[in-house]
Amino acid sequence: MSKKNYDNHNRWRNKTVVFRVSAEEDLHLEALVKLTGLTKQDYIIRRLLCRNVVV
């Protein structure tokens, strides 16, 4: 059995969501994530759940 992975808030994340993007979309996403100072995972989750992302 593999070791459980916890996030920065000590929550166990046991589901994986994967999607593909183009090279241009990846550059755009990376730039947006860098501006916020969040992790890519936290940024994507906040955007998908329509939560505010403060820069």
Protein backbone atom coordinates (compact mmCIF):
# COMPACT_ATOMS: atom_id res chain seq x y z
CA MET A 1 0.00 0.00 0.00
CA SER A 2 1.38 3.43 -0.91
CA LYS A 3 1.93 6.26 1.54
CA LYS A 4 -0.94 8.76 1.89
CA ASN A 5 -0.20 12.20 0.46
CA TYR A 6 -1.43 15.21 2.38
CA ASP A 7 -1.68 18.75 1.01
CA ASN A 8 -0.48 21.96 2.71
CA HIS A 9 -3.62 22.04 4.87
CA ASN A 10 -3.14 18.45 6.09
CA ARG A 11 -6.02 17.15 3.95
CA TRP A 12 -5.73 13.79 2.30
CA ARG A 13 -6.22 14.13 -1.45
CA ASN A 14 -7.05 10.72 -2.87
CA LYS A 15 -8.50 11.66 -6.29
CA THR A 16 -6.49 12.56 -9.38
CA VAL A 17 -7.84 14.75 -12.18
CA VAL A 18 -5.85 14.97 -15.42
CA PHE A 19 -6.37 17.04 -18.55
CA ARG A 20 -4.29 18.03 -21.56
CA VAL A 21 -3.43 21.54 -22.73
CA SER A 22 -1.58 22.96 -25.71
CA ALA A 23 1.90 24.48 -25.36
CA GLU A 24 0.41 27.98 -25.56
CA GLU A 25 -2.23 27.18 -22.92
CA ASP A 26 0.48 25.78 -20.66
CA LEU A 27 2.54 28.97 -20.91
CA HIS A 28 -0.54 31.07 -20.17
CA LEU A 29 -1.51 28.89 -17.19
CA GLU A 30 2.04 28.95 -15.80
CA ALA A 31 2.11 32.77 -16.03
CA LEU A 32 -1.22 33.09 -14.21
CA VAL A 33 -0.14 30.67 -11.49
CA LYS A 34 3.15 32.53 -11.01
CA LEU A 35 1.30 35.85 -10.57
CA THR A 36 -0.83 34.49 -7.74
CA GLY A 37 1.93 32.80 -5.77
CA LEU A 38 -0.29 29.75 -5.32
CA THR A 39 0.60 26.22 -6.25
CA LYS A 40 -0.73 25.13 -9.63
CA GLN A 41 -3.09 22.70 -7.89
CA ASP A 42 -4.50 25.36 -5.56
CA TYR A 43 -4.90 27.83 -8.44
CA ILE A 44 -6.75 25.36 -10.66
CA ILE A 45 -9.02 24.17 -7.84
CA ARG A 46 -9.96 27.74 -6.91
CA ARG A 47 -10.72 28.65 -10.52
CA LEU A 48 -12.74 25.49 -11.15
CA LEU A 49 -14.82 26.03 -8.01
CA CYS A 50 -15.39 29.73 -8.87
CA ARG A 51 -13.52 30.96 -5.80
CA ASN A 52 -11.69 34.27 -5.84
CA VAL A 53 -8.02 34.26 -6.75
CA VAL A 54 -6.31 37.29 -5.21
CA VAL A 55 -3.05 38.57 -6.68
